[in-house]
N, C-alpha and C. Protein backbone atom coordinates (compact mmCIF):
# COMPACT_ATOMS: atom_id res chain seq x y z
N UNK A 1 0.95 -1.62 -0.34
CA UNK A 1 0.41 0.02 -0.11
C UNK A 1 0.76 1.16 -0.04
N UNK A 2 0.32 2.12 -1.10
CA UNK A 2 1.50 3.29 -1.20
C UNK A 2 1.73 4.50 0.32
N UNK A 3 2.81 5.00 0.84
CA UNK A 3 2.47 5.87 1.90
C UNK A 3 1.81 6.94 1.30
N UNK A 4 1.29 7.86 2.72
CA UNK A 4 0.47 9.38 2.17
C UNK A 4 1.87 10.13 1.49
N UNK A 5 1.92 11.38 0.79
CA UNK A 5 2.67 12.02 0.35
C UNK A 5 3.00 12.94 1.80
N UNK A 6 4.38 12.79 1.92
CA UNK A 6 5.25 13.32 2.89
C UNK A 6 6.25 14.26 2.11
N UNK A 7 6.16 15.25 2.38
CA UNK A 7 7.97 15.95 1.65
C UNK A 7 8.67 15.66 2.22
N UNK A 8 8.54 15.44 3.68
CA UNK A 8 10.05 15.35 3.93
C UNK A 8 10.69 14.51 4.21
N UNK A 9 9.60 12.89 3.36
CA UNK A 9 9.99 11.65 3.02
C UNK A 9 9.43 11.14 1.70
N UNK A 10 10.12 11.76 0.71
CA UNK A 10 9.28 11.08 -0.75
C UNK A 10 10.44 11.80 -1.30
N UNK A 11 10.76 11.31 -2.66
CA UNK A 11 11.09 11.11 -4.20
C UNK A 11 10.50 11.63 -4.93
N UNK A 12 11.16 12.59 -5.93
CA UNK A 12 11.09 13.32 -7.13
C UNK A 12 11.93 12.87 -8.11
N UNK A 13 11.64 12.59 -9.11
CA UNK A 13 12.30 13.06 -10.92
C UNK A 13 12.04 14.01 -11.10
N UNK A 14 14.01 15.02 -10.99
CA UNK A 14 14.11 16.05 -11.60
C UNK A 14 14.49 16.44 -12.91
N UNK A 15 13.77 17.35 -13.84
CA UNK A 15 13.79 17.04 -15.40
C UNK A 15 13.51 16.37 -15.66
N UNK A 16 13.47 14.94 -15.10
CA UNK A 16 13.36 13.62 -16.47
C UNK A 16 14.37 13.12 -16.26
N UNK A 17 15.09 12.79 -15.40
CA UNK A 17 16.56 12.47 -14.82
C UNK A 17 15.82 10.58 -14.63
N UNK A 18 16.59 9.88 -15.91
CA UNK A 18 16.51 8.28 -15.55
C UNK A 18 17.37 7.76 -14.71
N UNK A 19 17.96 8.14 -14.32
CA UNK A 19 19.33 8.09 -13.15
C UNK A 19 19.20 7.94 -11.79
N UNK A 20 18.84 9.10 -11.61
CA UNK A 20 18.86 9.46 -9.90
C UNK A 20 17.49 10.12 -9.79
N UNK A 21 17.02 10.07 -8.73
CA UNK A 21 15.88 10.80 -7.86
C UNK A 21 16.18 11.58 -6.93
N UNK A 22 15.86 12.19 -6.37
CA UNK A 22 16.01 13.15 -5.33
C UNK A 22 14.95 12.68 -4.15
N UNK A 23 15.86 12.03 -3.31
CA UNK A 23 15.13 11.83 -1.72
C UNK A 23 15.29 13.27 -0.48
N UNK A 24 14.26 14.10 -0.33
CA UNK A 24 14.85 14.23 0.94
C UNK A 24 14.35 13.81 1.96
N UNK A 25 14.09 12.97 2.47
CA UNK A 25 14.93 11.86 3.61
C UNK A 25 16.06 12.20 4.06
N UNK A 26 17.17 12.62 3.34
CA UNK A 26 18.34 12.26 2.51
C UNK A 26 18.91 13.19 1.85
N UNK A 27 18.56 14.11 1.82
CA UNK A 27 18.61 15.46 2.06
C UNK A 27 19.67 15.35 0.51
N UNK A 28 19.78 14.65 -0.43
CA UNK A 28 20.39 14.02 -1.06
C UNK A 28 20.09 13.03 -3.24
N UNK A 29 20.11 13.64 -4.04
CA UNK A 29 20.15 12.61 -5.04
C UNK A 29 20.77 11.01 -4.64
N UNK A 30 19.48 10.05 -4.97
CA UNK A 30 20.00 8.77 -5.16
C UNK A 30 20.09 8.14 -6.46
N UNK A 31 20.64 6.87 -6.92
CA UNK A 31 20.68 6.22 -7.84
C UNK A 31 19.10 5.50 -7.93
N UNK A 32 18.71 5.25 -9.32
CA UNK A 32 17.76 4.63 -9.42
C UNK A 32 17.67 3.17 -8.54
N UNK A 33 18.97 2.46 -8.60
CA UNK A 33 18.55 1.13 -8.09
C UNK A 33 19.06 0.96 -6.52
N UNK A 34 18.98 2.45 -6.04
CA UNK A 34 19.24 2.80 -4.44
C UNK A 34 18.22 1.47 -3.56
N UNK A 35 18.62 0.18 -2.68
CA UNK A 35 18.04 -0.23 -2.09
C UNK A 35 16.71 0.69 -1.36
N UNK A 36 16.71 1.54 -0.78
CA UNK A 36 15.58 2.05 -0.23
C UNK A 36 14.41 2.89 -1.10
N UNK A 37 15.18 3.06 -2.19
CA UNK A 37 14.31 3.92 -2.75
C UNK A 37 13.61 2.39 -3.47
N UNK A 38 13.95 1.46 -4.32
CA UNK A 38 13.41 0.80 -4.85
C UNK A 38 12.73 -0.53 -3.90
N UNK A 39 12.70 -0.70 -2.63
CA UNK A 39 11.53 -1.00 -1.39
C UNK A 39 10.19 0.62 -1.76
N UNK A 40 10.12 1.49 -2.04
CA UNK A 40 9.51 2.05 -1.53
C UNK A 40 8.67 2.16 -2.27
N UNK A 41 8.88 2.08 -4.08
CA UNK A 41 8.61 1.82 -4.96
C UNK A 41 7.74 0.20 -5.22
N UNK A 42 8.37 -0.50 -4.31
CA UNK A 42 7.56 -1.97 -4.25
C UNK A 42 5.80 -1.71 -3.19
N UNK A 43 6.15 -1.07 -3.12
CA UNK A 43 4.60 -0.55 -1.97
C UNK A 43 3.88 0.19 -2.40
N UNK A 44 3.98 0.50 -3.85
CA UNK A 44 3.69 1.33 -4.47
C UNK A 44 3.16 2.67 -4.69
N UNK A 45 4.43 3.06 -4.33
CA UNK A 45 4.40 4.62 -4.35
C UNK A 45 4.96 5.29 -5.88
N UNK A 46 4.85 6.31 -5.72
CA UNK A 46 5.21 6.86 -7.56
C UNK A 46 6.32 7.83 -6.98
N UNK A 47 6.94 8.58 -7.31
CA UNK A 47 8.15 9.71 -7.29
C UNK A 47 6.98 10.67 -8.28
N UNK A 48 7.39 12.13 -8.11
CA UNK A 48 7.04 13.26 -8.56
C UNK A 48 7.66 13.72 -9.11
N UNK A 49 6.79 13.67 -10.14
CA UNK A 49 8.16 14.51 -11.45
C UNK A 49 8.12 15.86 -11.28
N UNK A 50 9.14 16.32 -11.14
CA UNK A 50 9.37 17.72 -10.80
C UNK A 50 10.28 18.37 -12.21
N UNK A 51 9.45 19.62 -12.46
CA UNK A 51 10.67 20.02 -14.37
C UNK A 51 11.87 20.53 -13.69
N UNK A 52 11.92 21.05 -12.86
CA UNK A 52 13.42 22.00 -12.12
C UNK A 52 13.95 21.36 -10.56
N UNK A 53 15.08 21.96 -10.94
CA UNK A 53 15.57 21.38 -9.41
C UNK A 53 14.62 22.99 -8.55
N UNK A 54 15.31 23.98 -9.36
CA UNK A 54 14.85 24.73 -8.21
C UNK A 54 13.39 24.97 -8.04
N UNK A 55 12.62 24.40 -9.44
CA UNK A 55 11.08 23.96 -8.40
C UNK A 55 11.06 23.19 -7.13
N UNK A 56 11.73 22.01 -7.19
CA UNK A 56 11.66 21.02 -6.12
C UNK A 56 12.77 21.66 -4.61
N UNK A 57 13.16 22.64 -4.82
CA UNK A 57 14.28 23.59 -3.75
C UNK A 57 12.71 24.16 -3.20
N UNK A 58 11.89 24.96 -4.34
CA UNK A 58 10.57 25.93 -3.78
C UNK A 58 9.60 25.05 -2.85
N UNK A 59 9.07 23.75 -3.85
CA UNK A 59 8.16 23.10 -3.12
C UNK A 59 9.02 22.64 -1.38
N UNK A 60 9.89 22.41 -1.66
CA UNK A 60 10.27 21.26 -0.38
C UNK A 60 10.25 22.61 0.12
N UNK A 61 10.78 24.14 -0.10
CA UNK A 61 11.09 25.44 1.20
C UNK A 61 9.85 25.41 1.49
N UNK A 62 8.64 25.19 1.06
CA UNK A 62 7.39 25.94 0.62
C UNK A 62 6.64 24.54 1.76
N UNK A 63 7.35 23.67 2.04
CA UNK A 63 6.87 22.20 2.95
C UNK A 63 7.91 22.45 4.18
N UNK A 64 8.74 23.35 4.52
CA UNK A 64 9.66 23.41 5.99
C UNK A 64 10.58 22.12 5.55
N UNK A 65 10.76 21.85 4.41
CA UNK A 65 11.22 20.55 4.45
C UNK A 65 13.03 21.37 4.08
N UNK A 66 14.27 20.55 5.03
CA UNK A 66 15.83 20.58 4.84
C UNK A 66 16.25 20.37 3.02
N UNK A 67 16.94 21.85 2.91
CA UNK A 67 17.87 21.73 1.45
C UNK A 67 18.57 21.70 1.40
N UNK A 68 19.46 20.93 0.62
CA UNK A 68 20.92 20.42 0.80
C UNK A 68 21.32 22.09 0.72
N UNK A 69 22.93 21.61 1.20
CA UNK A 69 23.34 22.93 2.01
C UNK A 69 23.90 24.02 0.68
N UNK A 70 23.51 25.20 0.67
CA UNK A 70 24.06 25.87 -0.21
C UNK A 70 23.09 26.33 -1.49
N UNK A 71 21.48 25.49 -0.69
CA UNK A 71 20.57 26.14 -1.87
C UNK A 71 19.34 27.12 -1.64
N UNK A 72 19.68 27.74 -0.28
CA UNK A 72 18.93 28.34 -0.48
C UNK A 72 18.96 29.69 -0.86
N UNK A 73 18.84 29.92 -1.60
CA UNK A 73 19.48 31.13 -3.34
C UNK A 73 18.06 32.12 -2.89
N UNK A 74 16.39 31.35 -2.97
CA UNK A 74 16.33 32.96 -2.96
C UNK A 74 15.58 33.31 -2.59
N UNK A 75 15.23 34.88 -2.33
CA UNK A 75 14.53 35.84 -1.19
C UNK A 75 13.64 35.27 -0.44
N UNK A 76 12.62 34.62 -0.68
CA UNK A 76 11.80 33.95 -0.05
C UNK A 76 12.43 32.94 1.48
N UNK A 77 13.62 32.41 0.59
CA UNK A 77 14.34 31.15 1.01
C UNK A 77 14.70 31.91 2.41
N UNK A 78 15.64 32.89 2.12
CA UNK A 78 16.70 33.96 2.77
C UNK A 78 15.37 33.92 3.74
N UNK A 79 14.60 34.90 3.32
CA UNK A 79 13.78 35.75 4.53
C UNK A 79 12.73 34.18 6.04
N UNK A 80 13.05 33.67 4.92
CA UNK A 80 12.29 32.25 6.23
C UNK A 80 13.24 31.49 7.19
N UNK A 81 14.43 31.28 6.52
CA UNK A 81 15.25 31.30 7.24
C UNK A 81 16.21 31.88 8.44
N UNK A 82 16.10 34.06 8.14
CA UNK A 82 16.24 34.86 9.32
C UNK A 82 14.75 34.69 10.47
N UNK A 83 13.80 34.39 9.80
CA UNK A 83 12.57 34.43 10.71
C UNK A 83 12.58 33.03 11.36
N UNK A 84 13.04 32.22 10.85
CA UNK A 84 13.02 30.80 12.10
C UNK A 84 14.17 30.92 12.61
N UNK A 85 15.50 31.70 12.81
CA UNK A 85 16.58 31.97 13.68
C UNK A 85 15.56 32.65 15.02
N UNK A 86 16.32 32.03 16.64
CA UNK A 86 15.69 32.28 17.57
C UNK A 86 15.29 33.83 17.70
N UNK A 87 14.52 34.45 18.11
CA UNK A 87 14.21 35.88 18.70
C UNK A 87 15.54 36.46 19.36
N UNK A 88 15.53 35.49 20.97
CA UNK A 88 16.94 35.66 21.71
C UNK A 88 18.46 35.98 20.97
N UNK A 89 18.51 35.13 20.11
CA UNK A 89 19.71 34.69 19.45
C UNK A 89 19.95 36.38 18.31
N UNK A 90 18.89 36.68 17.95
CA UNK A 90 18.73 37.59 16.83
C UNK A 90 18.80 39.29 17.59
N UNK A 91 18.34 39.30 18.70
CA UNK A 91 18.68 40.52 19.80
C UNK A 91 19.77 40.19 20.30
N UNK A 92 20.41 39.22 20.54
CA UNK A 92 21.61 39.19 21.43
C UNK A 92 22.78 39.92 20.36
N UNK A 93 22.44 39.13 19.04
CA UNK A 93 23.47 39.83 17.76
C UNK A 93 23.51 41.16 17.18
N UNK A 94 22.36 40.97 17.68
CA UNK A 94 22.15 42.90 17.01
C UNK A 94 23.00 43.59 17.94
N UNK A 95 22.33 43.76 19.27
CA UNK A 95 23.14 44.13 20.89
C UNK A 95 24.30 44.42 20.64
N UNK A 96 25.38 43.05 20.13
CA UNK A 96 26.82 43.28 20.05
C UNK A 96 26.68 43.59 18.83
N UNK A 97 26.70 43.60 18.10
CA UNK A 97 26.76 44.69 16.76
C UNK A 97 26.81 46.04 17.21
N UNK A 98 26.26 47.01 17.64
CA UNK A 98 25.98 47.88 17.65
C UNK A 98 26.74 48.19 19.25
N UNK A 99 27.16 47.49 19.85
CA UNK A 99 28.30 47.12 21.34
C UNK A 99 29.27 47.64 20.69
N UNK A 100 29.67 47.07 19.74
CA UNK A 100 31.41 47.06 19.13
C UNK A 100 31.12 48.48 18.01
N UNK A 101 30.00 48.67 17.26
CA UNK A 101 30.07 50.05 16.96
C UNK A 101 30.10 51.18 17.33
N UNK A 102 29.49 51.14 18.76
CA UNK A 102 29.91 52.10 19.56
C UNK A 102 31.60 52.58 19.86
N UNK A 103 32.11 51.22 20.64
CA UNK A 103 33.43 51.14 20.59
C UNK A 103 34.66 51.42 19.35
N UNK A 104 34.03 51.74 18.27
CA UNK A 104 34.49 51.84 16.82
C UNK A 104 34.17 53.32 16.75
N UNK A 105 33.66 53.56 17.82
CA UNK A 105 33.05 55.10 17.03
C UNK A 105 32.20 55.38 15.67
N UNK A 106 31.32 54.25 15.65
CA UNK A 106 30.41 54.20 14.22
C UNK A 106 29.03 54.43 14.91
N UNK A 107 27.96 55.27 13.77
CA UNK A 107 26.48 54.64 14.32
C UNK A 107 26.03 53.33 14.00
N UNK A 108 25.06 53.86 15.24
CA UNK A 108 24.48 51.76 15.31
C UNK A 108 23.50 52.02 14.31
N UNK A 109 23.25 50.47 13.83
CA UNK A 109 22.54 50.42 12.54
C UNK A 109 21.34 50.00 13.43
N UNK A 110 20.64 49.80 12.73
CA UNK A 110 19.03 49.76 12.68
C UNK A 110 18.84 47.97 12.82
N UNK A 111 17.43 47.41 13.32
CA UNK A 111 17.21 46.43 13.32
C UNK A 111 16.98 45.54 11.73
N UNK A 112 16.43 46.59 10.63
CA UNK A 112 16.26 46.87 9.42
C UNK A 112 17.37 46.76 8.74
N UNK A 113 18.67 47.53 8.85
CA UNK A 113 19.74 47.04 8.28
C UNK A 113 20.61 45.91 8.74
N UNK A 114 20.15 45.34 10.36
CA UNK A 114 21.28 44.07 10.09
C UNK A 114 20.55 43.00 9.66
N UNK A 115 19.04 43.34 9.47
CA UNK A 115 18.76 41.92 8.81
C UNK A 115 19.41 41.54 7.91
N UNK A 116 19.42 43.13 7.12
CA UNK A 116 19.64 43.12 5.38
C UNK A 116 21.44 42.32 5.32
N UNK A 117 22.07 43.29 6.28
CA UNK A 117 23.35 42.89 6.43
C UNK A 117 23.76 41.01 6.78
N UNK A 118 22.72 40.19 7.62
CA UNK A 118 22.38 39.05 7.46
C UNK A 118 22.38 38.27 6.27
N UNK A 119 21.47 38.78 6.02
CA UNK A 119 20.92 37.64 4.87
C UNK A 119 21.33 38.12 3.07
N UNK A 120 22.44 39.14 3.25
CA UNK A 120 23.51 39.49 2.41
C UNK A 120 24.79 37.88 2.63
N UNK A 121 25.02 37.51 4.11
CA UNK A 121 25.99 36.30 4.20
C UNK A 121 25.55 35.20 3.82
N UNK A 122 24.08 35.08 3.53
CA UNK A 122 23.27 33.99 3.44
C UNK A 122 23.90 33.30 1.46
């Protein structure tokens, strides 16, 4: 019996590939002869076909599923990452930035300017 769709544990055929599928549970591509993938197919599951890797990242991002390292490229994903940061950690970092700026006799930054600077690092 097929599993219900679960974006965090699913397989995708990206751009019509016949040699590999993307496995969201492993946050990686696996060959089509991968034992876990073959077993998943044997239970009646069917991988989702998707036009491009970027489309896949968008789907996974919308579902809150982990993306491979370095794939957080869209502005929407960057915003999601910033919003996911614990507010206390943000306040500590923001406070320290302005304390350092005061020691260097520089103008303090606003929260908006600080967020923009963090986004630039992603």
